[in-house]
């Protein structure tokens, strides 16, 4: 499992739309110009908080973020939306338009904010891009590559197995089915070494991973059997249950956040 960063500002493929999701989201009433209560920066970017966030940390200007967003031109025409596709977008903030690079780091996780981005911070008149000032509603969902606060060692409330595996449930699952050692599973995951360096992530790739549990490192084979479908858990996997010093694998204890999507 290795990272292949194939990230773009807009995802190329459209997901099947549900009956509840409109194909066009109406523009907000203030799409033509920012209202008086919007805050403006020295560059000309204007922003307005629509919903306060639950997090405390803000993304760095070079960090990878996962967001939902919708964009309009000032005449009210929607030109892009992850919401209508039904799939959040994940990308590095230093690979998008300047207004996003500046605006999203003002946010915390869970926050929704409206951005009025002048053309000088947008596409600057490029022929194949929307023209003029652009308006985006953005919801910051996560910073998937950022290591958790307890990455260095499992906390006291983590459960431990006889093998040395430590784990903690982050979100209970709605399912009842647990995989067996020979089951095929579909998961989303991110992995870090204990110094906080991310080495692999299906979340960043935007594609869940599917594999047989008897074909991965022992810590995964053991740990995922403790989970039910829909559950999210964090695992601290000692080197003896990971890559055991292999030169082509990450070294030492590995930390994984795993979401068990499906058991086949």
C-alpha atoms as a PDB file:
ATOM      1  CA  UNK A   1       0.000   0.000   0.000  1.00  0.00           C
ATOM      2  CA  UNK A   2       1.688   3.189  -1.184  1.00  0.00           C
ATOM      3  CA  UNK A   3       0.429   6.718  -1.644  1.00  0.00           C
ATOM      4  CA  UNK A   4      -0.298   7.804  -5.170  1.00  0.00           C
ATOM      5  CA  UNK A   5      -1.374  11.439  -5.026  1.00  0.00           C
ATOM      6  CA  UNK A   6      -3.769  11.909  -7.898  1.00  0.00           C
ATOM      7  CA  UNK A   7      -5.571  14.968  -6.630  1.00  0.00           C
ATOM      8  CA  UNK A   8      -7.446  17.644  -8.547  1.00  0.00           C
ATOM      9  CA  UNK A   9      -9.547  20.627  -7.605  1.00  0.00           C
ATOM     10  CA  UNK A  10     -12.605  19.098  -9.248  1.00  0.00           C
ATOM     11  CA  UNK A  11     -13.155  15.348  -9.394  1.00  0.00           C
ATOM     12  CA  UNK A  12     -13.459  14.173 -12.962  1.00  0.00           C
ATOM     13  CA  UNK A  13     -16.164  11.576 -12.562  1.00  0.00           C
ATOM     14  CA  UNK A  14     -19.702  12.280 -11.418  1.00  0.00           C
ATOM     15  CA  UNK A  15     -21.272  10.024  -8.780  1.00  0.00           C
ATOM     16  CA  UNK A  16     -24.846   8.813  -9.141  1.00  0.00           C
ATOM     17  CA  UNK A  17     -27.071  11.485  -7.702  1.00  0.00           C
ATOM     18  CA  UNK A  18     -29.610  10.644  -5.049  1.00  0.00           C
ATOM     19  CA  UNK A  19     -33.166  11.911  -5.282  1.00  0.00           C
ATOM     20  CA  UNK A  20     -32.479  14.269  -2.381  1.00  0.00           C
ATOM     21  CA  UNK A  21     -29.471  15.970  -4.018  1.00  0.00           C
ATOM     22  CA  UNK A  22     -30.248  18.631  -6.643  1.00  0.00           C
ATOM     23  CA  UNK A  23     -28.177  18.742  -9.822  1.00  0.00           C
ATOM     24  CA  UNK A  24     -27.969  22.527  -9.442  1.00  0.00           C
ATOM     25  CA  UNK A  25     -27.743  24.253  -6.068  1.00  0.00           C
ATOM     26  CA  UNK A  26     -29.331  27.731  -6.056  1.00  0.00           C
ATOM     27  CA  UNK A  27     -26.950  30.629  -5.524  1.00  0.00           C
ATOM     28  CA  UNK A  28     -27.087  32.458  -2.187  1.00  0.00           C
ATOM     29  CA  UNK A  29     -28.821  35.853  -2.180  1.00  0.00           C
ATOM     30  CA  UNK A  30     -25.495  37.648  -1.648  1.00  0.00           C
ATOM     31  CA  UNK A  31     -23.746  35.961  -4.591  1.00  0.00           C
ATOM     32  CA  UNK A  32     -23.296  39.233  -6.510  1.00  0.00           C
ATOM     33  CA  UNK A  33     -21.167  40.891  -3.814  1.00  0.00           C
ATOM     34  CA  UNK A  34     -20.049  40.250  -0.219  1.00  0.00           C
ATOM     35  CA  UNK A  35     -22.305  41.778   2.458  1.00  0.00           C
ATOM     36  CA  UNK A  36     -21.113  44.356   4.973  1.00  0.00           C
ATOM     37  CA  UNK A  37     -20.619  41.713   7.688  1.00  0.00           C
ATOM     38  CA  UNK A  38     -18.154  39.743   5.539  1.00  0.00           C
ATOM     39  CA  UNK A  39     -14.515  40.073   6.557  1.00  0.00           C
ATOM     40  CA  UNK A  40     -12.008  41.156   3.933  1.00  0.00           C
ATOM     41  CA  UNK A  41      -8.290  40.450   3.811  1.00  0.00           C
ATOM     42  CA  UNK A  42      -5.546  42.624   2.364  1.00  0.00           C
ATOM     43  CA  UNK A  43      -5.568  40.589  -0.850  1.00  0.00           C
ATOM     44  CA  UNK A  44      -9.244  41.304  -1.548  1.00  0.00           C
ATOM     45  CA  UNK A  45     -10.630  37.964  -0.365  1.00  0.00           C
ATOM     46  CA  UNK A  46     -13.943  38.282   1.504  1.00  0.00           C
ATOM     47  CA  UNK A  47     -15.301  35.564   3.811  1.00  0.00           C
ATOM     48  CA  UNK A  48     -18.329  34.969   6.003  1.00  0.00           C
ATOM     49  CA  UNK A  49     -18.777  32.152   8.536  1.00  0.00           C
ATOM     50  CA  UNK A  50     -22.031  30.300   7.837  1.00  0.00           C
ATOM     51  CA  UNK A  51     -21.648  27.644  10.544  1.00  0.00           C
ATOM     52  CA  UNK A  52     -19.033  27.579  13.329  1.00  0.00           C
ATOM     53  CA  UNK A  53     -16.782  24.547  13.411  1.00  0.00           C
ATOM     54  CA  UNK A  54     -16.239  22.015  16.168  1.00  0.00           C
ATOM     55  CA  UNK A  55     -12.465  21.758  15.770  1.00  0.00           C
ATOM     56  CA  UNK A  56      -9.657  23.973  17.022  1.00  0.00           C
ATOM     57  CA  UNK A  57      -6.871  23.378  14.523  1.00  0.00           C
ATOM     58  CA  UNK A  58      -6.663  25.208  11.211  1.00  0.00           C
ATOM     59  CA  UNK A  59      -5.039  23.718   8.111  1.00  0.00           C
ATOM     60  CA  UNK A  60      -1.675  24.939   6.903  1.00  0.00           C
ATOM     61  CA  UNK A  61      -1.452  26.483   3.436  1.00  0.00           C
ATOM     62  CA  UNK A  62       0.356  23.354   2.173  1.00  0.00           C
ATOM     63  CA  UNK A  63      -1.866  20.798   3.928  1.00  0.00           C
ATOM     64  CA  UNK A  64      -4.202  18.247   2.354  1.00  0.00           C
ATOM     65  CA  UNK A  65      -7.852  18.874   3.214  1.00  0.00           C
ATOM     66  CA  UNK A  66     -11.168  17.141   2.603  1.00  0.00           C
ATOM     67  CA  UNK A  67     -14.056  19.486   1.875  1.00  0.00           C
ATOM     68  CA  UNK A  68     -17.532  19.795   0.453  1.00  0.00           C
ATOM     69  CA  UNK A  69     -18.018  22.867  -1.705  1.00  0.00           C
ATOM     70  CA  UNK A  70     -20.203  24.571  -4.285  1.00  0.00           C
ATOM     71  CA  UNK A  71     -19.045  27.362  -6.587  1.00  0.00           C
ATOM     72  CA  UNK A  72     -20.983  30.064  -8.453  1.00  0.00           C
ATOM     73  CA  UNK A  73     -20.146  32.987 -10.680  1.00  0.00           C
ATOM     74  CA  UNK A  74     -21.584  36.311  -9.514  1.00  0.00           C
ATOM     75  CA  UNK A  75     -24.502  36.023 -11.951  1.00  0.00           C
ATOM     76  CA  UNK A  76     -25.698  33.041  -9.888  1.00  0.00           C
ATOM     77  CA  UNK A  77     -24.626  30.225 -12.203  1.00  0.00           C
ATOM     78  CA  UNK A  78     -23.256  27.154 -10.440  1.00  0.00           C
ATOM     79  CA  UNK A  79     -20.142  25.806 -12.170  1.00  0.00           C
ATOM     80  CA  UNK A  80     -18.899  23.111  -9.762  1.00  0.00           C
ATOM     81  CA  UNK A  81     -20.076  21.223  -6.682  1.00  0.00           C
ATOM     82  CA  UNK A  82     -18.841  18.245  -4.712  1.00  0.00           C
ATOM     83  CA  UNK A  83     -22.257  18.265  -3.000  1.00  0.00           C
ATOM     84  CA  UNK A  84     -24.147  17.397  -6.189  1.00  0.00           C
ATOM     85  CA  UNK A  85     -21.610  14.661  -6.932  1.00  0.00           C
ATOM     86  CA  UNK A  86     -22.247  13.219  -3.481  1.00  0.00           C
ATOM     87  CA  UNK A  87     -18.526  12.870  -2.797  1.00  0.00           C
ATOM     88  CA  UNK A  88     -16.200  15.216  -0.883  1.00  0.00           C
ATOM     89  CA  UNK A  89     -13.052  16.465  -2.577  1.00  0.00           C
ATOM     90  CA  UNK A  90      -9.550  15.930  -1.171  1.00  0.00           C
ATOM     91  CA  UNK A  91      -6.582  17.986  -2.348  1.00  0.00           C
ATOM     92  CA  UNK A  92      -3.480  19.889  -1.171  1.00  0.00           C
ATOM     93  CA  UNK A  93      -4.158  23.573  -0.506  1.00  0.00           C
ATOM     94  CA  UNK A  94      -1.019  24.677  -2.340  1.00  0.00           C
ATOM     95  CA  UNK A  95      -2.272  23.136  -5.586  1.00  0.00           C
ATOM     96  CA  UNK A  96      -5.497  25.124  -6.008  1.00  0.00           C
ATOM     97  CA  UNK A  97      -6.419  28.727  -6.733  1.00  0.00           C
ATOM     98  CA  UNK A  98      -4.904  31.360  -4.457  1.00  0.00           C
ATOM     99  CA  UNK A  99      -8.252  32.287  -2.901  1.00  0.00           C
ATOM    100  CA  UNK A 100      -8.640  28.737  -1.608  1.00  0.00           C
ATOM    101  CA  UNK A 101      -5.030  28.608  -0.395  1.00  0.00           C
ATOM    102  CA  UNK A 102      -5.692  31.741   1.642  1.00  0.00           C
ATOM    103  CA  UNK A 103      -9.316  31.174   2.633  1.00  0.00           C
ATOM    104  CA  UNK A 104      -9.486  27.573   3.821  1.00  0.00           C
ATOM    105  CA  UNK A 105      -6.682  28.026   6.423  1.00  0.00           C
ATOM    106  CA  UNK A 106      -9.005  30.533   8.138  1.00  0.00           C
ATOM    107  CA  UNK A 107     -11.369  27.640   8.927  1.00  0.00           C
ATOM    108  CA  UNK A 108     -11.553  24.891  11.541  1.00  0.00           C
ATOM    109  CA  UNK A 109     -12.948  21.386  11.024  1.00  0.00           C
ATOM    110  CA  UNK A 110     -16.747  21.363  10.872  1.00  0.00           C
ATOM    111  CA  UNK A 111     -16.946  25.001   9.811  1.00  0.00           C
ATOM    112  CA  UNK A 112     -18.892  26.218   6.799  1.00  0.00           C
ATOM    113  CA  UNK A 113     -17.748  29.475   5.227  1.00  0.00           C
ATOM    114  CA  UNK A 114     -18.597  31.526   2.147  1.00  0.00           C
ATOM    115  CA  UNK A 115     -15.688  32.878   0.103  1.00  0.00           C
ATOM    116  CA  UNK A 116     -15.887  35.721  -2.406  1.00  0.00           C
ATOM    117  CA  UNK A 117     -12.707  35.280  -4.434  1.00  0.00           C
ATOM    118  CA  UNK A 118     -11.658  38.097  -6.792  1.00  0.00           C
ATOM    119  CA  UNK A 119     -10.449  37.085 -10.232  1.00  0.00           C
ATOM    120  CA  UNK A 120      -6.867  37.959  -9.278  1.00  0.00           C
ATOM    121  CA  UNK A 121      -7.029  35.133  -6.687  1.00  0.00           C
ATOM    122  CA  UNK A 122      -9.015  32.783  -8.942  1.00  0.00           C
ATOM    123  CA  UNK A 123      -8.396  31.827 -12.582  1.00  0.00           C
ATOM    124  CA  UNK A 124      -7.098  35.197 -13.809  1.00  0.00           C
ATOM    125  CA  UNK A 125      -8.992  35.099 -17.084  1.00  0.00           C
ATOM    126  CA  UNK A 126      -7.927  31.617 -18.207  1.00  0.00           C
ATOM    127  CA  UNK A 127      -9.913  30.645 -21.287  1.00  0.00           C
ATOM    128  CA  UNK A 128     -11.241  27.323 -20.005  1.00  0.00           C
ATOM    129  CA  UNK A 129     -12.172  28.490 -16.494  1.00  0.00           C
ATOM    130  CA  UNK A 130     -15.023  30.481 -14.911  1.00  0.00           C
ATOM    131  CA  UNK A 131     -14.486  34.233 -15.212  1.00  0.00           C
ATOM    132  CA  UNK A 132     -14.572  37.107 -12.770  1.00  0.00           C
ATOM    133  CA  UNK A 133     -15.134  36.910  -9.022  1.00  0.00           C
ATOM    134  CA  UNK A 134     -16.125  33.444  -7.812  1.00  0.00           C
ATOM    135  CA  UNK A 135     -18.247  32.591  -4.801  1.00  0.00           C
ATOM    136  CA  UNK A 136     -17.778  29.322  -2.896  1.00  0.00           C
ATOM    137  CA  UNK A 137     -19.593  27.748   0.020  1.00  0.00           C
ATOM    138  CA  UNK A 138     -17.022  25.501   1.685  1.00  0.00           C
ATOM    139  CA  UNK A 139     -17.349  22.976   4.511  1.00  0.00           C
ATOM    140  CA  UNK A 140     -14.050  21.795   5.995  1.00  0.00           C
ATOM    141  CA  UNK A 141     -14.563  18.110   6.810  1.00  0.00           C
ATOM    142  CA  UNK A 142     -11.085  16.969   7.806  1.00  0.00           C
ATOM    143  CA  UNK A 143      -7.331  17.207   7.436  1.00  0.00           C
ATOM    144  CA  UNK A 144      -6.758  13.535   6.627  1.00  0.00           C
ATOM    145  CA  UNK A 145      -2.961  13.513   6.657  1.00  0.00           C
ATOM    146  CA  UNK A 146      -2.579  15.235  10.041  1.00  0.00           C
ATOM    147  CA  UNK A 147      -1.421  12.833  12.720  1.00  0.00           C
ATOM    148  CA  UNK A 148      -3.656  12.403  15.787  1.00  0.00           C
ATOM    149  CA  UNK A 149      -2.521  13.867  19.106  1.00  0.00           C
ATOM    150  CA  UNK A 150      -1.892  10.377  20.528  1.00  0.00           C
ATOM    151  CA  UNK A 151       0.205   9.138  17.586  1.00  0.00           C
ATOM    152  CA  UNK A 152       3.322   8.655  19.731  1.00  0.00           C
ATOM    153  CA  UNK A 153       1.803   6.058  22.049  1.00  0.00           C
ATOM    154  CA  UNK A 154      -1.526   4.435  22.832  1.00  0.00           C
ATOM    155  CA  UNK A 155      -3.365   6.326  25.604  1.00  0.00           C
ATOM    156  CA  UNK A 156      -4.384   4.758  28.904  1.00  0.00           C
ATOM    157  CA  UNK A 157      -7.969   4.209  27.729  1.00  0.00           C
ATOM    158  CA  UNK A 158      -6.892   2.173  24.689  1.00  0.00           C
ATOM    159  CA  UNK A 159      -7.647  -1.538  24.838  1.00  0.00           C
ATOM    160  CA  UNK A 160      -4.792  -4.002  24.462  1.00  0.00           C
ATOM    161  CA  UNK A 161      -4.671  -7.568  23.246  1.00  0.00           C
ATOM    162  CA  UNK A 162      -2.303 -10.362  24.287  1.00  0.00           C
ATOM    163  CA  UNK A 163      -0.277  -9.878  21.101  1.00  0.00           C
ATOM    164  CA  UNK A 164       0.580  -6.254  21.930  1.00  0.00           C
ATOM    165  CA  UNK A 165      -1.958  -4.630  19.611  1.00  0.00           C
ATOM    166  CA  UNK A 166      -3.614  -1.506  21.091  1.00  0.00           C
ATOM    167  CA  UNK A 167      -6.821  -0.006  19.752  1.00  0.00           C
ATOM    168  CA  UNK A 168      -9.521   2.533  20.476  1.00  0.00           C
ATOM    169  CA  UNK A 169     -12.954   2.908  18.906  1.00  0.00           C
ATOM    170  CA  UNK A 170     -13.356   6.358  17.349  1.00  0.00           C
ATOM    171  CA  UNK A 171     -16.896   5.868  16.046  1.00  0.00           C
ATOM    172  CA  UNK A 172     -19.175   2.902  16.761  1.00  0.00           C
ATOM    173  CA  UNK A 173     -20.448   0.998  13.757  1.00  0.00           C
ATOM    174  CA  UNK A 174     -24.085   0.455  12.877  1.00  0.00           C
ATOM    175  CA  UNK A 175     -23.467  -3.060  11.581  1.00  0.00           C
ATOM    176  CA  UNK A 176     -23.205  -6.378  13.416  1.00  0.00           C
ATOM    177  CA  UNK A 177     -21.026  -8.369  11.033  1.00  0.00           C
ATOM    178  CA  UNK A 178     -17.372  -8.804  12.015  1.00  0.00           C
ATOM    179  CA  UNK A 179     -14.842 -10.057   9.482  1.00  0.00           C
ATOM    180  CA  UNK A 180     -13.006 -13.346   9.819  1.00  0.00           C
ATOM    181  CA  UNK A 181      -9.293 -13.791   9.171  1.00  0.00           C
ATOM    182  CA  UNK A 182     -10.088 -14.925   5.627  1.00  0.00           C
ATOM    183  CA  UNK A 183     -12.727 -12.277   4.855  1.00  0.00           C
ATOM    184  CA  UNK A 184     -12.484  -9.732   2.067  1.00  0.00           C
ATOM    185  CA  UNK A 185     -12.943  -6.213   3.446  1.00  0.00           C
ATOM    186  CA  UNK A 186     -13.390  -2.701   2.092  1.00  0.00           C
ATOM    187  CA  UNK A 187     -11.834   0.032   4.232  1.00  0.00           C
ATOM    188  CA  UNK A 188     -10.715   3.625   4.331  1.00  0.00           C
ATOM    189  CA  UNK A 189      -7.505   4.160   6.283  1.00  0.00           C
ATOM    190  CA  UNK A 190      -4.586   6.464   7.002  1.00  0.00           C
ATOM    191  CA  UNK A 191      -1.293   5.318   8.487  1.00  0.00           C
ATOM    192  CA  UNK A 192       1.431   7.194  10.379  1.00  0.00           C
ATOM    193  CA  UNK A 193       4.727   6.378  11.997  1.00  0.00           C
ATOM    194  CA  UNK A 194       4.964   7.457  15.633  1.00  0.00           C
ATOM    195  CA  UNK A 195       6.877  10.626  14.680  1.00  0.00           C
ATOM    196  CA  UNK A 196       3.687  11.809  12.973  1.00  0.00           C
ATOM    197  CA  UNK A 197       4.686  11.188   9.352  1.00  0.00           C
ATOM    198  CA  UNK A 198       1.886   9.858   7.162  1.00  0.00           C
ATOM    199  CA  UNK A 199       3.073   7.041   4.893  1.00  0.00           C
ATOM    200  CA  UNK A 200      -0.155   5.809   3.296  1.00  0.00           C
ATOM    201  CA  UNK A 201      -3.794   6.830   2.960  1.00  0.00           C
ATOM    202  CA  UNK A 202      -6.774   5.611   0.956  1.00  0.00           C
ATOM    203  CA  UNK A 203      -8.555   8.799   2.075  1.00  0.00           C
ATOM    204  CA  UNK A 204      -6.011  10.942   0.222  1.00  0.00           C
ATOM    205  CA  UNK A 205      -6.359   8.780  -2.869  1.00  0.00           C
ATOM    206  CA  UNK A 206     -10.132   9.145  -2.674  1.00  0.00           C
ATOM    207  CA  UNK A 207     -10.642   5.411  -3.176  1.00  0.00           C
ATOM    208  CA  UNK A 208     -11.376   2.776  -0.500  1.00  0.00           C
ATOM    209  CA  UNK A 209      -9.056  -0.224  -0.392  1.00  0.00           C
ATOM    210  CA  UNK A 210     -10.312  -3.804  -0.763  1.00  0.00           C
ATOM    211  CA  UNK A 211      -8.226  -6.816   0.223  1.00  0.00           C
ATOM    212  CA  UNK A 212      -8.340 -10.200   2.014  1.00  0.00           C
ATOM    213  CA  UNK A 213      -7.464  -9.958   5.719  1.00  0.00           C
ATOM    214  CA  UNK A 214      -5.056 -12.875   5.468  1.00  0.00           C
ATOM    215  CA  UNK A 215      -2.998 -10.926   2.903  1.00  0.00           C
ATOM    216  CA  UNK A 216      -1.953  -7.960   5.057  1.00  0.00           C
ATOM    217  CA  UNK A 217       0.221  -7.348   8.125  1.00  0.00           C
ATOM    218  CA  UNK A 218      -0.769  -9.358  11.232  1.00  0.00           C
ATOM    219  CA  UNK A 219      -1.879  -6.264  13.138  1.00  0.00           C
ATOM    220  CA  UNK A 220      -4.510  -5.598  10.477  1.00  0.00           C
ATOM    221  CA  UNK A 221      -5.602  -9.234  10.369  1.00  0.00           C
ATOM    222  CA  UNK A 222      -6.129  -9.213  14.140  1.00  0.00           C
ATOM    223  CA  UNK A 223      -7.434  -5.686  14.532  1.00  0.00           C
ATOM    224  CA  UNK A 224     -10.117  -5.616  11.870  1.00  0.00           C
ATOM    225  CA  UNK A 225     -11.709  -8.755  13.302  1.00  0.00           C
ATOM    226  CA  UNK A 226     -12.536  -6.643  16.376  1.00  0.00           C
ATOM    227  CA  UNK A 227     -14.576  -4.197  14.274  1.00  0.00           C
ATOM    228  CA  UNK A 228     -18.098  -4.174  12.827  1.00  0.00           C
ATOM    229  CA  UNK A 229     -19.227  -2.554   9.594  1.00  0.00           C
ATOM    230  CA  UNK A 230     -19.379   1.236   9.847  1.00  0.00           C
ATOM    231  CA  UNK A 231     -16.968   1.390  12.771  1.00  0.00           C
ATOM    232  CA  UNK A 232     -13.927   3.659  12.881  1.00  0.00           C
ATOM    233  CA  UNK A 233     -11.006   2.659  15.073  1.00  0.00           C
ATOM    234  CA  UNK A 234      -7.404   3.635  15.753  1.00  0.00           C
ATOM    235  CA  UNK A 235      -4.751   0.913  15.986  1.00  0.00           C
ATOM    236  CA  UNK A 236      -1.254   1.079  17.448  1.00  0.00           C
ATOM    237  CA  UNK A 237       0.510  -1.851  15.796  1.00  0.00           C
ATOM    238  CA  UNK A 238       3.922  -2.882  17.180  1.00  0.00           C
ATOM    239  CA  UNK A 239       6.669  -3.690  14.697  1.00  0.00           C
ATOM    240  CA  UNK A 240       6.313  -7.414  15.479  1.00  0.00           C
ATOM    241  CA  UNK A 241       2.771  -7.246  14.040  1.00  0.00           C
ATOM    242  CA  UNK A 242       3.723  -4.873  11.208  1.00  0.00           C
ATOM    243  CA  UNK A 243       6.697  -5.013   8.821  1.00  0.00           C
ATOM    244  CA  UNK A 244       9.217  -6.512  11.252  1.00  0.00           C
ATOM    245  CA  UNK A 245      12.095  -4.342  10.080  1.00  0.00           C
ATOM    246  CA  UNK A 246      11.639  -4.968   6.358  1.00  0.00           C
ATOM    247  CA  UNK A 247      13.654  -2.407   4.414  1.00  0.00           C
ATOM    248  CA  UNK A 248      10.804  -1.554   2.038  1.00  0.00           C
ATOM    249  CA  UNK A 249       8.215  -0.986   4.771  1.00  0.00           C
ATOM    250  CA  UNK A 250       7.703   1.743   7.397  1.00  0.00           C
ATOM    251  CA  UNK A 251       9.622   1.051  10.579  1.00  0.00           C
ATOM    252  CA  UNK A 252       8.597   0.680  14.210  1.00  0.00           C
ATOM    253  CA  UNK A 253       5.130   0.955  15.700  1.00  0.00           C
ATOM    254  CA  UNK A 254       2.544   2.051  13.143  1.00  0.00           C
ATOM    255  CA  UNK A 255      -0.673   3.938  13.855  1.00  0.00           C
ATOM    256  CA  UNK A 256      -3.716   3.498  11.634  1.00  0.00           C
ATOM    257  CA  UNK A 257      -7.128   5.117  11.587  1.00  0.00           C
ATOM    258  CA  UNK A 258      -9.415   2.597   9.901  1.00  0.00           C
ATOM    259  CA  UNK A 259     -13.041   2.732   8.822  1.00  0.00           C
ATOM    260  CA  UNK A 260     -14.559  -0.683   8.056  1.00  0.00           C
ATOM    261  CA  UNK A 261     -16.940  -0.011   5.193  1.00  0.00           C
ATOM    262  CA  UNK A 262     -17.935  -3.521   4.169  1.00  0.00           C
ATOM    263  CA  UNK A 263     -17.253  -7.200   4.835  1.00  0.00           C
ATOM    264  CA  UNK A 264     -17.626  -9.586   1.880  1.00  0.00           C
END
